[in-house]
Protein backbone atom coordinates (compact mmCIF):
# COMPACT_ATOMS: atom_id res chain seq x y z
CA MET A 1 3.67 23.45 -19.44
CA GLU A 2 2.08 20.01 -19.90
CA ALA A 3 4.44 18.45 -17.34
CA PHE A 4 3.70 21.31 -14.93
CA LEU A 5 -0.06 20.75 -15.24
CA LEU A 6 0.38 17.00 -14.77
CA ASP A 7 2.37 17.68 -11.60
CA TRP A 8 -0.46 19.80 -10.22
CA LEU A 9 -3.03 17.19 -11.18
CA ASN A 10 -0.86 14.59 -9.43
CA LEU A 11 -0.74 16.73 -6.29
CA LEU A 12 -4.49 17.33 -6.15
CA VAL A 13 -5.51 13.73 -6.87
CA ARG A 14 -2.94 12.38 -4.41
CA TRP A 15 -4.31 14.74 -1.76
CA LEU A 16 -7.87 13.59 -2.51
CA HIS A 17 -6.76 9.94 -2.33
CA PHE A 18 -5.10 10.59 1.01
CA ILE A 19 -8.17 12.35 2.45
CA THR A 20 -10.69 9.75 1.29
CA GLY A 21 -8.35 6.95 2.40
CA ILE A 22 -8.26 8.38 5.92
CA ALA A 23 -12.07 8.58 5.93
CA TRP A 24 -12.48 4.97 4.72
CA ILE A 25 -9.82 3.34 6.86
CA GLY A 26 -10.80 5.43 9.88
CA SER A 27 -14.43 4.33 9.71
CA SER A 28 -13.37 0.73 9.09
CA LEU A 29 -11.09 0.66 12.12
CA TYR A 30 -13.73 2.37 14.25
CA PHE A 31 -16.49 -0.13 13.42
CA ILE A 32 -14.22 -3.10 14.09
CA TRP A 33 -13.38 -1.50 17.45
CA LEU A 34 -17.06 -0.80 18.12
CA ASP A 35 -18.14 -4.36 17.31
CA ASN A 36 -15.48 -5.80 19.61
CA HIS A 37 -16.41 -3.56 22.55
CA LEU A 38 -20.15 -4.20 22.66
CA GLU A 39 -21.52 -5.22 26.04
CA VAL A 40 -24.84 -6.72 27.05
CA PRO A 41 -27.42 -3.90 27.40
CA ARG A 42 -27.99 -2.88 31.00
CA ASP A 43 -31.58 -1.80 30.41
CA ALA A 44 -33.98 -4.73 30.05
CA ALA A 45 -36.23 -2.56 27.89
CA ASP A 46 -33.43 -2.25 25.32
CA MET A 47 -33.05 -6.01 25.21
CA GLU A 48 -36.79 -6.35 24.64
CA LYS A 49 -36.48 -3.95 21.69
CA GLY A 50 -33.86 -6.26 20.14
CA VAL A 51 -30.66 -4.51 21.16
CA GLY A 52 -27.90 -7.10 21.22
CA GLY A 53 -25.05 -4.92 22.48
CA GLU A 54 -24.11 -1.41 23.47
CA VAL A 55 -21.09 0.69 24.25
CA TRP A 56 -20.65 4.02 25.97
CA SER A 57 -17.81 6.34 24.96
CA VAL A 58 -16.66 9.90 25.48
CA HIS A 59 -15.12 12.13 22.85
CA GLY A 60 -14.93 15.80 21.98
CA GLY A 61 -16.56 16.95 25.18
CA GLY A 62 -19.61 14.70 24.90
CA PHE A 63 -20.92 11.23 25.74
CA TYR A 64 -22.01 8.75 23.06
CA HIS A 65 -24.22 5.71 23.42
CA ALA A 66 -24.01 3.27 20.49
CA GLN A 67 -26.31 0.26 20.24
CA LYS A 68 -26.31 -2.68 17.85
CA TYR A 69 -29.53 -4.57 17.14
CA LYS A 70 -29.61 -8.34 16.80
CA SER A 71 -31.84 -8.00 13.75
CA SER A 72 -33.39 -4.59 13.08
CA PRO A 73 -35.06 -1.81 15.03
CA SER A 74 -38.80 -1.41 14.92
CA PRO A 75 -39.87 0.92 13.54
CA LEU A 76 -37.02 1.56 11.12
CA PRO A 77 -35.52 5.06 11.44
CA GLU A 78 -36.19 7.47 8.58
CA LYS A 79 -32.51 8.25 8.08
CA LEU A 80 -29.79 5.59 7.88
CA HIS A 81 -26.14 6.51 7.41
CA TRP A 82 -24.30 4.30 4.93
CA PHE A 83 -20.53 3.95 4.82
CA LYS A 84 -19.62 3.29 1.21
CA TRP A 85 -18.62 6.47 -0.58
CA GLU A 86 -15.38 6.68 1.40
CA ALA A 87 -14.35 3.31 -0.08
CA TYR A 88 -15.47 4.13 -3.61
CA SER A 89 -13.81 7.56 -3.58
CA THR A 90 -10.55 6.12 -2.29
CA TRP A 91 -10.45 3.47 -5.01
CA LEU A 92 -11.47 5.81 -7.83
CA SER A 93 -8.90 8.44 -6.85
CA GLY A 94 -6.27 5.75 -6.36
CA MET A 95 -6.87 4.21 -9.79
CA PHE A 96 -6.81 7.66 -11.38
CA LEU A 97 -3.50 8.34 -9.63
CA LEU A 98 -2.16 4.96 -10.76
CA GLY A 99 -3.02 5.87 -14.33
CA LEU A 100 -1.64 9.37 -14.05
CA VAL A 101 1.73 8.35 -12.59
CA TYR A 102 2.39 4.78 -13.66
CA PHE A 103 0.47 4.50 -16.93
CA VAL A 104 0.97 7.97 -18.41
CA GLY A 105 4.56 7.79 -17.16
CA ALA A 106 4.97 4.08 -17.93
CA GLU A 107 8.41 4.50 -19.49
CA VAL A 108 9.63 6.20 -16.32
CA TYR A 109 7.82 4.53 -13.44
CA LEU A 110 6.15 1.30 -14.60
CA ILE A 111 8.69 -0.32 -16.90
CA ASP A 112 12.22 -1.27 -15.93
CA ARG A 113 13.85 -2.85 -18.96
CA SER A 114 16.50 -4.45 -16.79
CA VAL A 115 13.63 -6.43 -15.20
CA ALA A 116 11.42 -7.11 -18.23
CA ASP A 117 11.54 -5.53 -21.69
CA LEU A 118 7.82 -4.75 -22.00
CA SER A 119 6.06 -2.42 -24.39
CA VAL A 120 3.93 0.29 -22.82
CA ALA A 121 0.70 -1.37 -24.00
CA THR A 122 1.75 -4.78 -22.67
CA ALA A 123 2.83 -3.35 -19.32
CA ILE A 124 -0.39 -1.40 -18.76
CA SER A 125 -2.71 -4.21 -19.90
CA SER A 126 -0.82 -6.72 -17.74
CA ALA A 127 -1.10 -4.45 -14.70
CA LEU A 128 -4.86 -4.03 -15.15
CA ALA A 129 -5.36 -7.75 -15.73
CA ILE A 130 -3.45 -8.60 -12.55
CA ILE A 131 -5.50 -6.15 -10.48
CA ALA A 132 -8.79 -7.53 -11.81
CA GLY A 133 -7.57 -11.11 -11.56
CA GLY A 134 -6.65 -10.65 -7.93
CA TRP A 135 -10.27 -9.91 -7.02
CA ILE A 136 -11.63 -12.81 -9.11
CA VAL A 137 -9.29 -15.36 -7.50
CA TYR A 138 -9.93 -14.02 -3.99
CA ASP A 139 -13.71 -13.99 -4.44
CA LEU A 140 -13.76 -17.56 -5.79
CA LEU A 141 -11.59 -18.62 -2.87
CA CYS A 142 -14.01 -17.02 -0.39
CA LYS A 143 -16.92 -18.87 -1.98
CA SER A 144 -15.13 -22.22 -1.96
CA PRO A 145 -15.15 -24.83 0.85
CA LEU A 146 -11.56 -23.77 1.64
CA ALA A 147 -12.92 -20.62 3.27
CA GLN A 148 -14.64 -22.69 5.96
CA ASP A 149 -11.37 -23.11 7.84
CA PRO A 150 -9.88 -19.67 8.67
CA ARG A 151 -6.36 -21.06 9.11
CA VAL A 152 -6.37 -22.91 5.79
CA PHE A 153 -7.83 -19.83 4.10
CA ALA A 154 -5.16 -17.57 5.62
CA LEU A 155 -2.37 -19.92 4.52
CA ILE A 156 -3.67 -20.13 0.94
CA LEU A 157 -4.10 -16.35 0.85
CA LEU A 158 -0.50 -15.93 2.04
CA LEU A 159 0.79 -18.28 -0.66
CA LEU A 160 -1.20 -16.53 -3.40
CA SER A 161 -0.08 -13.11 -2.14
CA SER A 162 3.52 -14.31 -2.25
CA VAL A 163 3.07 -15.48 -5.83
CA LEU A 164 1.51 -12.12 -6.68
CA ALA A 165 4.38 -10.16 -5.11
CA TRP A 166 6.99 -12.33 -6.82
CA GLY A 167 5.29 -12.11 -10.20
CA LEU A 168 4.90 -8.34 -10.06
CA CYS A 169 8.57 -7.92 -9.20
CA GLN A 170 9.51 -10.05 -12.26
CA LEU A 171 7.47 -7.85 -14.60
CA PHE A 172 7.68 -4.26 -13.44
CA SER A 173 10.01 -1.82 -11.75
CA GLY A 174 10.28 -2.49 -8.02
CA ARG A 175 8.48 0.73 -7.19
CA ALA A 176 5.60 -0.10 -9.57
CA ALA A 177 5.44 -3.70 -8.34
CA TYR A 178 4.84 -2.51 -4.78
CA ILE A 179 2.16 -0.04 -5.86
CA LEU A 180 0.40 -2.66 -8.00
CA PHE A 181 0.45 -5.10 -5.07
CA GLY A 182 -1.29 -2.45 -2.95
CA ALA A 183 -3.70 -1.65 -5.79
CA SER A 184 -4.63 -5.34 -5.99
CA LEU A 185 -5.36 -5.52 -2.26
CA GLY A 186 -7.19 -2.18 -2.37
CA THR A 187 -9.33 -3.42 -5.26
CA ILE A 188 -10.23 -6.54 -3.27
CA MET A 189 -11.20 -4.33 -0.34
CA VAL A 190 -13.44 -2.00 -2.34
CA ALA A 191 -14.94 -4.90 -4.30
CA ASN A 192 -15.83 -6.51 -0.97
CA VAL A 193 -17.71 -3.33 -0.12
CA PHE A 194 -19.40 -2.99 -3.53
CA PHE A 195 -20.27 -6.63 -4.27
CA ILE A 196 -20.71 -8.19 -0.81
CA ILE A 197 -21.02 -5.77 2.12
CA ILE A 198 -23.39 -3.14 0.71
CA PRO A 199 -25.64 -5.65 -1.15
CA GLY A 200 -25.86 -7.69 2.06
CA GLN A 201 -26.98 -4.63 3.97
CA LYS A 202 -29.50 -3.75 1.26
CA GLN A 203 -30.97 -7.28 1.38
CA MET A 204 -31.34 -7.00 5.13
CA LEU A 205 -33.01 -3.59 4.82
CA ALA A 206 -35.37 -4.77 2.08
CA ALA A 207 -36.50 -7.74 4.21
CA VAL A 208 -37.23 -5.47 7.16
CA GLN A 209 -39.20 -3.09 4.96
CA ARG A 210 -41.29 -6.05 3.77
CA GLY A 211 -41.95 -6.99 7.39
CA GLU A 212 -39.88 -10.16 7.17
CA THR A 213 -37.12 -11.46 9.41
CA PRO A 214 -33.81 -10.78 7.60
CA ASP A 215 -31.81 -13.76 6.41
CA PRO A 216 -28.61 -13.70 8.52
CA ALA A 217 -26.43 -15.25 5.75
CA PRO A 218 -25.74 -12.04 3.75
CA GLY A 219 -24.89 -10.22 6.97
CA LEU A 220 -22.47 -12.93 8.02
CA ARG A 221 -20.77 -12.86 4.60
CA ALA A 222 -20.52 -9.09 4.82
CA LYS A 223 -18.99 -9.25 8.28
CA LEU A 224 -16.41 -11.83 7.14
CA ARG A 225 -15.34 -9.64 4.21
CA SER A 226 -15.19 -6.63 6.53
CA VAL A 227 -12.82 -8.56 8.80
CA HIS A 228 -10.66 -9.46 5.80
CA ASN A 229 -10.56 -5.79 4.83
CA THR A 230 -9.27 -4.76 8.22
CA TYR A 231 -6.36 -7.22 7.95
CA PHE A 232 -5.46 -5.83 4.51
CA THR A 233 -5.39 -2.27 5.84
CA LEU A 234 -1.86 -2.02 7.24
CA PRO A 235 -0.18 -3.76 4.28
CA VAL A 236 -1.95 -1.34 1.92
CA LEU A 237 -0.90 1.65 4.04
CA PHE A 238 2.72 0.47 3.89
CA VAL A 239 2.57 0.20 0.11
CA MET A 240 1.11 3.71 -0.14
CA THR A 241 4.30 5.07 1.46
CA SER A 242 6.76 2.56 -0.03
CA ASN A 243 7.88 4.82 -2.89
CA HIS A 244 9.79 6.84 -0.27
CA TYR A 245 11.88 3.81 0.71
CA ALA A 246 13.94 2.62 -2.23
CA MET A 247 15.86 0.30 0.09
CA THR A 248 12.81 -2.00 0.05
CA TYR A 249 11.57 -2.06 -3.53
CA SER A 250 15.03 -1.87 -5.12
CA HIS A 251 16.41 -4.78 -3.09
CA GLU A 252 17.36 -8.05 -4.79
CA TYR A 253 14.65 -9.82 -2.75
CA ASN A 254 12.12 -6.99 -2.96
CA TRP A 255 9.16 -9.38 -3.29
CA LEU A 256 10.12 -11.23 -0.12
CA ILE A 257 10.56 -7.96 1.79
CA LEU A 258 7.11 -6.85 0.59
CA ILE A 259 5.48 -10.05 1.83
CA ALA A 260 7.34 -9.98 5.15
CA ILE A 261 6.31 -6.40 5.91
CA SER A 262 2.73 -7.12 4.79
CA VAL A 263 2.55 -10.16 7.08
CA ALA A 264 3.92 -8.07 9.94
CA GLY A 265 1.22 -5.46 9.31
CA ALA A 266 -1.52 -8.09 9.26
CA LEU A 267 -0.20 -9.65 12.50
CA ILE A 268 -0.19 -6.25 14.21
CA ARG A 269 -3.79 -5.73 13.11
CA ILE A 270 -4.72 -9.23 14.36
CA TYR A 271 -3.30 -8.34 17.76
CA PHE A 272 -5.27 -5.11 18.02
CA VAL A 273 -8.52 -6.73 16.88
CA ALA A 274 -8.07 -9.41 19.54
CA ARG A 275 -7.12 -6.77 22.11
CA HIS A 276 -10.34 -4.88 21.41
CA ALA A 277 -12.24 -8.11 21.99
CA GLY A 278 -10.53 -8.45 25.38
CA LYS A 279 -8.68 -11.71 24.73
CA ALA A 280 -5.41 -10.66 23.17
CA SER A 281 -2.30 -12.79 23.14
CA PRO A 282 0.83 -10.71 22.56
CA LEU A 283 2.21 -13.43 20.28
CA PRO A 284 1.07 -11.89 16.94
CA ALA A 285 2.61 -8.53 17.86
CA VAL A 286 5.82 -10.17 19.06
CA VAL A 287 6.11 -12.22 15.85
CA ALA A 288 5.51 -9.05 13.81
CA VAL A 289 8.29 -7.17 15.62
CA VAL A 290 10.69 -10.10 15.24
CA LEU A 291 9.83 -10.37 11.55
CA LEU A 292 10.49 -6.66 10.99
CA ALA A 293 13.78 -6.96 12.88
CA ILE A 294 14.85 -9.88 10.69
CA VAL A 295 13.98 -7.91 7.55
CA ALA A 296 15.91 -4.87 8.77
CA ALA A 297 18.94 -6.97 9.72
CA SER A 298 18.98 -8.79 6.38
CA MET A 299 18.81 -5.48 4.51
CA ALA A 300 21.53 -3.77 6.53
CA PRO A 301 24.35 -2.50 4.26
CA ARG A 302 27.55 -4.47 4.37
CA SER A 303 31.00 -2.95 4.51
CA ALA A 304 32.09 -1.99 1.03
CA PRO A 305 35.12 -3.85 -0.30
CA ALA A 306 38.31 -1.95 -0.85
CA HIS A 307 38.58 -0.51 -4.35
CA ALA A 308 41.89 -0.45 -6.15
CA GLY A 309 42.82 2.75 -7.87
CA ALA A 310 41.48 6.23 -7.49
CA VAL A 311 39.14 8.00 -9.86
CA SER A 312 39.26 11.64 -10.79
CA PHE A 313 36.39 14.00 -10.16
CA ALA A 314 36.30 14.62 -13.90
CA GLN A 315 35.29 10.97 -14.40
CA VAL A 316 32.51 11.37 -11.87
CA ARG A 317 31.43 14.62 -13.50
CA ASN A 318 31.17 12.85 -16.87
CA VAL A 319 28.94 10.13 -15.39
CA ILE A 320 26.67 12.64 -13.69
CA ASP A 321 26.39 14.76 -16.83
CA ALA A 322 25.58 11.73 -18.99
CA ARG A 323 23.18 9.91 -16.65
CA CYS A 324 21.75 12.30 -14.06
CA VAL A 325 21.62 15.95 -15.16
CA SER A 326 18.83 15.41 -17.68
CA CYS A 327 16.49 15.22 -14.66
CA HIS A 328 18.48 16.64 -11.75
CA SER A 329 19.02 20.14 -13.07
CA ALA A 330 17.71 23.64 -12.57
CA ALA A 331 16.23 23.21 -16.05
CA PRO A 332 15.58 19.45 -16.58
CA ALA A 333 15.79 18.27 -20.18
CA HIS A 334 13.61 15.21 -19.58
CA PRO A 335 9.96 15.99 -20.46
CA ALA A 336 8.62 14.00 -17.49
CA PHE A 337 10.16 16.36 -14.94
CA PRO A 338 9.25 20.06 -14.94
CA ALA A 339 11.52 20.49 -11.90
CA ALA A 340 14.40 18.54 -10.42
CA PRO A 341 13.06 15.51 -8.47
CA LEU A 342 13.13 16.23 -4.72
CA GLY A 343 14.85 19.51 -5.56
CA VAL A 344 18.18 17.73 -6.09
CA MET A 345 20.25 19.60 -8.70
CA LEU A 346 23.62 18.40 -9.94
CA ASP A 347 24.62 21.18 -12.35
CA THR A 348 27.74 22.29 -10.54
CA ASP A 349 30.73 20.56 -8.95
CA ASP A 350 29.75 21.90 -5.53
CA GLN A 351 26.24 20.52 -5.87
CA ILE A 352 27.61 17.09 -6.78
CA ARG A 353 29.98 17.07 -3.82
CA ALA A 354 27.19 18.21 -1.47
CA GLU A 355 24.99 15.30 -2.65
CA ALA A 356 27.78 12.69 -2.62
CA GLU A 357 26.16 10.43 -0.04
CA ARG A 358 22.73 10.61 -1.66
CA ILE A 359 24.24 9.88 -5.10
CA TYR A 360 26.11 6.88 -3.70
CA ARG A 361 23.07 5.47 -1.91
CA GLN A 362 20.73 5.90 -4.85
CA ALA A 363 23.04 4.96 -7.72
CA VAL A 364 25.27 2.32 -6.08
CA VAL A 365 23.64 0.86 -2.97
CA SER A 366 19.99 0.68 -4.04
CA LYS A 367 20.59 1.23 -7.79
CA VAL A 368 17.20 2.92 -7.90
CA MET A 369 18.63 5.86 -9.80
CA PRO A 370 18.44 6.72 -12.60
CA ILE A 371 14.79 5.81 -12.17
CA GLY A 372 14.02 2.77 -14.29
CA ASN A 373 17.62 3.22 -15.46
CA LEU A 374 16.22 5.56 -18.11
CA THR A 375 19.65 6.85 -19.05
CA ALA A 376 21.25 3.39 -19.05
CA MET A 377 23.88 3.88 -16.36
CA THR A 378 26.34 0.99 -16.58
CA ASP A 379 27.82 -1.07 -13.76
CA GLU A 380 31.21 0.42 -14.62
CA GLU A 381 29.82 3.93 -14.13
CA ARG A 382 28.29 2.92 -10.80
CA GLU A 383 31.71 1.57 -9.83
CA ILE A 384 33.27 4.97 -10.63
CA ILE A 385 30.78 6.66 -8.29
CA SER A 386 31.41 4.03 -5.61
CA ARG A 387 35.19 4.43 -5.74
CA TRP A 388 34.86 8.22 -5.66
CA TYR A 389 32.53 8.12 -2.65
CA GLN A 390 34.76 5.66 -0.78
CA SER A 391 37.76 7.91 -1.38
CA LEU A 392 35.82 10.82 0.08
CA LYS A 393 34.97 8.75 3.16
CA ASP A 394 38.58 7.64 3.55
CA SER A 395 39.83 11.22 3.41
CA GLN A 396 37.49 12.40 6.19
């Protein structure tokens, strides 16, 4: 019953995280688009009021007229809409989900003893320290003279992100490493909102309320962090879906694949931001596509070598019973799984034969199953499955 309740809690929190994430990222993408489409006001009276740019749009059967002031409107409107709770709700639900799946289930999802033999306490404390440390290093970097040159800053950020990805993949399971990489970027994004963007807006508002001209520095810092956030968006979205693609996080060079796909996502976002501003070079998008193609080509499965000697189905059955059926059963024995993962059950010979390709891909090609190698499947047992699968292919 406890596992059943945890599954439902997982479902509801994941749904909440998904909903709030859409709200946050959607508003972020919209405001970047809006800022890059502003035009000089046509009405001279608007310019006299301090309007610095405007944009007309049509949506949902109506026309919208958005204006951005150079400083602040006078008088200040009674109601101002703030965009912050979407970010906070996304992070809070995401951290709760991280704890629920990867910390409560650390032995299953966080720790892979073939990668690093960590205790549960060490693994969890290390993960939290890395997430917090990511923000501290990034924030110090933004406040340093290195941030004055965008290209130097981007290069240093790429190098540090590569070190982060590599380090995570040396400590945790591949799946957890990817999620923690995304959690680190997501924490930087929400910390930008909480510590820089919102305080900058509040300082500007307070100055206006005192009748003073707002200091532009906090606003400029807030805008810079907002731009950084938009470039982190696509890498974080990839990581949120990465647990569905074992071919990436289970690969020998999983950290390099993670960085390559993240860079491709950032380049795609760079292209669209520039396109919104009306001065887009297709080069970032082209480089992103080429990079993704290189990654796909390098990950493509190679022809399996010929295997000497046949194996009996009884040998395969023994491996499946010893290493897989504790989870993949109509009545799983493992306490972490109230139901067979993905509905895959391997209780009968027919079920095993029907799932032959999936078993081969997960246990031999990606080696992502058993998850975290909980049941200690050996290389010899994987070889038995491989030889059995190849014999099935040869007989077709």
